[in-house]
Amino acid sequence: MTFTFGGLQINTKGEVQDMTDQSIPGLYAAGELVGGLFYENYPGGTGLMSGSVFGKLAGESAADYVS
């Protein structure tokens, strides 16, 4: 298994969302545990690309959060 189909929900800043779609302060996610990107199947190699894109977004948002 390369990643989950039903992982954590995040927003465009990489912030993890709770069950009411509110951001959980200071909690960010990227990579294979982010859900909602693919359904039933996926194109090969996209797990690494989504990790790179969302990792950059989450990293920048986390840096802003702590500064």
N, C-alpha and C. Protein backbone atom coordinates (compact mmCIF):
# COMPACT_ATOMS: atom_id res chain seq x y z
N MET A 1 0.86 -1.18 0.00
CA MET A 1 0.00 0.00 0.00
C MET A 1 0.90 1.24 0.00
N THR A 2 0.66 2.13 -0.90
CA THR A 2 1.49 3.32 -0.99
C THR A 2 0.93 4.50 -0.22
N PHE A 3 -0.38 4.56 -0.06
CA PHE A 3 -1.02 5.63 0.71
C PHE A 3 -2.46 5.26 0.98
N THR A 4 -3.13 6.05 1.83
CA THR A 4 -4.52 5.75 2.17
C THR A 4 -5.46 6.46 1.21
N PHE A 5 -6.58 5.85 0.92
CA PHE A 5 -7.63 6.51 0.15
C PHE A 5 -8.50 7.33 1.08
N GLY A 6 -8.53 7.01 2.36
CA GLY A 6 -9.40 7.71 3.31
C GLY A 6 -8.64 8.28 4.48
N GLY A 7 -7.59 9.02 4.23
CA GLY A 7 -6.76 9.57 5.30
C GLY A 7 -7.33 10.85 5.90
N LEU A 8 -6.46 11.64 6.49
CA LEU A 8 -6.86 12.88 7.14
C LEU A 8 -7.28 13.94 6.14
N GLN A 9 -8.27 14.73 6.52
CA GLN A 9 -8.70 15.86 5.69
C GLN A 9 -7.86 17.07 6.06
N ILE A 10 -7.34 17.76 5.04
CA ILE A 10 -6.57 18.98 5.26
C ILE A 10 -7.16 20.10 4.41
N ASN A 11 -6.77 21.34 4.75
CA ASN A 11 -7.18 22.48 3.91
C ASN A 11 -6.01 22.87 3.01
N THR A 12 -6.12 24.01 2.33
CA THR A 12 -5.08 24.42 1.38
C THR A 12 -3.79 24.86 2.05
N LYS A 13 -3.79 25.00 3.37
CA LYS A 13 -2.57 25.34 4.12
C LYS A 13 -1.93 24.10 4.74
N GLY A 14 -2.54 22.93 4.53
CA GLY A 14 -2.01 21.70 5.11
C GLY A 14 -2.45 21.48 6.54
N GLU A 15 -3.39 22.30 7.04
CA GLU A 15 -3.89 22.15 8.41
C GLU A 15 -4.88 20.99 8.47
N VAL A 16 -4.74 20.12 9.47
CA VAL A 16 -5.67 19.01 9.64
C VAL A 16 -7.01 19.55 10.12
N GLN A 17 -8.08 19.03 9.51
CA GLN A 17 -9.44 19.47 9.84
C GLN A 17 -10.10 18.48 10.78
N ASP A 18 -10.90 18.99 11.73
CA ASP A 18 -11.64 18.10 12.61
C ASP A 18 -12.95 17.67 11.96
N MET A 19 -13.82 17.02 12.70
CA MET A 19 -15.07 16.49 12.14
C MET A 19 -16.05 17.59 11.73
N THR A 20 -15.81 18.83 12.18
CA THR A 20 -16.68 19.95 11.80
C THR A 20 -16.00 20.87 10.79
N ASP A 21 -14.95 20.38 10.13
CA ASP A 21 -14.19 21.12 9.13
C ASP A 21 -13.48 22.36 9.69
N GLN A 22 -13.14 22.32 10.97
CA GLN A 22 -12.35 23.39 11.58
C GLN A 22 -10.91 22.93 11.70
N SER A 23 -9.97 23.85 11.52
CA SER A 23 -8.55 23.52 11.64
C SER A 23 -8.20 23.20 13.08
N ILE A 24 -7.36 22.19 13.28
CA ILE A 24 -6.83 21.86 14.60
C ILE A 24 -5.54 22.65 14.75
N PRO A 25 -5.49 23.60 15.69
CA PRO A 25 -4.32 24.49 15.81
C PRO A 25 -3.01 23.73 15.96
N GLY A 26 -2.04 24.07 15.10
CA GLY A 26 -0.70 23.50 15.19
C GLY A 26 -0.54 22.10 14.63
N LEU A 27 -1.60 21.53 14.02
CA LEU A 27 -1.50 20.18 13.48
C LEU A 27 -1.56 20.23 11.95
N TYR A 28 -0.50 19.78 11.31
CA TYR A 28 -0.37 19.81 9.86
C TYR A 28 -0.10 18.41 9.35
N ALA A 29 -0.48 18.14 8.11
CA ALA A 29 -0.27 16.82 7.53
C ALA A 29 0.13 16.93 6.06
N ALA A 30 0.87 15.96 5.61
CA ALA A 30 1.27 15.88 4.20
C ALA A 30 1.61 14.43 3.89
N GLY A 31 1.70 14.13 2.63
CA GLY A 31 2.15 12.81 2.21
C GLY A 31 1.06 11.76 2.19
N GLU A 32 1.45 10.55 2.52
CA GLU A 32 0.59 9.40 2.33
C GLU A 32 -0.63 9.35 3.24
N LEU A 33 -0.64 10.09 4.32
CA LEU A 33 -1.79 10.03 5.22
C LEU A 33 -2.88 11.04 4.90
N VAL A 34 -2.66 11.88 3.90
CA VAL A 34 -3.69 12.82 3.46
C VAL A 34 -4.72 12.08 2.61
N GLY A 35 -5.97 12.23 2.93
CA GLY A 35 -7.02 11.53 2.21
C GLY A 35 -7.75 12.43 1.23
N GLY A 36 -8.63 11.82 0.45
CA GLY A 36 -9.48 12.56 -0.47
C GLY A 36 -8.86 12.93 -1.80
N LEU A 37 -7.68 12.41 -2.10
CA LEU A 37 -7.04 12.76 -3.36
C LEU A 37 -7.41 11.80 -4.48
N PHE A 38 -7.58 10.53 -4.14
CA PHE A 38 -7.84 9.51 -5.15
C PHE A 38 -8.99 8.62 -4.69
N TYR A 39 -9.73 8.08 -5.65
CA TYR A 39 -10.83 7.17 -5.36
C TYR A 39 -10.71 5.97 -6.27
N GLU A 40 -10.76 4.80 -5.69
CA GLU A 40 -10.73 3.51 -6.38
C GLU A 40 -9.38 3.16 -6.99
N ASN A 41 -8.67 4.12 -7.56
CA ASN A 41 -7.38 3.84 -8.17
C ASN A 41 -6.59 5.14 -8.29
N TYR A 42 -5.34 5.06 -8.69
CA TYR A 42 -4.50 6.24 -8.82
C TYR A 42 -3.42 6.02 -9.87
N PRO A 43 -2.94 7.10 -10.48
CA PRO A 43 -1.83 6.97 -11.43
C PRO A 43 -0.52 6.73 -10.68
N GLY A 44 0.30 5.83 -11.16
CA GLY A 44 1.57 5.51 -10.52
C GLY A 44 2.45 6.73 -10.31
N GLY A 45 3.11 6.81 -9.15
CA GLY A 45 4.03 7.89 -8.86
C GLY A 45 3.40 9.13 -8.24
N THR A 46 2.09 9.18 -8.18
CA THR A 46 1.43 10.39 -7.68
C THR A 46 1.52 10.53 -6.17
N GLY A 47 1.75 9.44 -5.45
CA GLY A 47 1.90 9.52 -4.00
C GLY A 47 3.08 10.39 -3.62
N LEU A 48 4.19 10.23 -4.31
CA LEU A 48 5.38 11.04 -4.03
C LEU A 48 5.16 12.50 -4.40
N MET A 49 4.48 12.74 -5.50
CA MET A 49 4.23 14.12 -5.93
C MET A 49 3.30 14.83 -4.95
N SER A 50 2.25 14.17 -4.51
CA SER A 50 1.34 14.82 -3.56
C SER A 50 2.06 15.08 -2.24
N GLY A 51 2.96 14.18 -1.84
CA GLY A 51 3.74 14.41 -0.62
C GLY A 51 4.64 15.62 -0.76
N SER A 52 5.22 15.81 -1.92
CA SER A 52 6.08 16.97 -2.16
C SER A 52 5.29 18.28 -2.13
N VAL A 53 4.16 18.29 -2.82
CA VAL A 53 3.35 19.51 -2.89
C VAL A 53 2.77 19.87 -1.53
N PHE A 54 2.09 18.90 -0.89
CA PHE A 54 1.47 19.19 0.39
C PHE A 54 2.50 19.34 1.50
N GLY A 55 3.65 18.70 1.36
CA GLY A 55 4.73 18.89 2.33
C GLY A 55 5.24 20.32 2.33
N LYS A 56 5.38 20.89 1.16
CA LYS A 56 5.82 22.29 1.05
C LYS A 56 4.78 23.22 1.67
N LEU A 57 3.50 23.00 1.33
CA LEU A 57 2.43 23.85 1.89
C LEU A 57 2.35 23.72 3.41
N ALA A 58 2.37 22.50 3.90
CA ALA A 58 2.28 22.26 5.35
C ALA A 58 3.50 22.82 6.08
N GLY A 59 4.68 22.66 5.49
CA GLY A 59 5.90 23.18 6.11
C GLY A 59 5.89 24.70 6.22
N GLU A 60 5.48 25.36 5.16
CA GLU A 60 5.38 26.82 5.21
C GLU A 60 4.35 27.28 6.22
N SER A 61 3.21 26.60 6.28
CA SER A 61 2.17 26.98 7.22
C SER A 61 2.61 26.73 8.66
N ALA A 62 3.29 25.63 8.90
CA ALA A 62 3.79 25.34 10.24
C ALA A 62 4.82 26.37 10.68
N ALA A 63 5.69 26.79 9.77
CA ALA A 63 6.68 27.82 10.08
C ALA A 63 6.00 29.13 10.43
N ASP A 64 4.94 29.49 9.69
CA ASP A 64 4.19 30.69 10.01
C ASP A 64 3.52 30.59 11.37
N TYR A 65 3.03 29.39 11.70
CA TYR A 65 2.33 29.17 12.97
C TYR A 65 3.25 29.39 14.17
N VAL A 66 4.49 28.94 14.09
CA VAL A 66 5.40 29.03 15.23
C VAL A 66 6.14 30.38 15.30
N SER A 67 6.06 31.17 14.25
CA SER A 67 6.80 32.44 14.28
C SER A 67 5.93 33.59 14.74
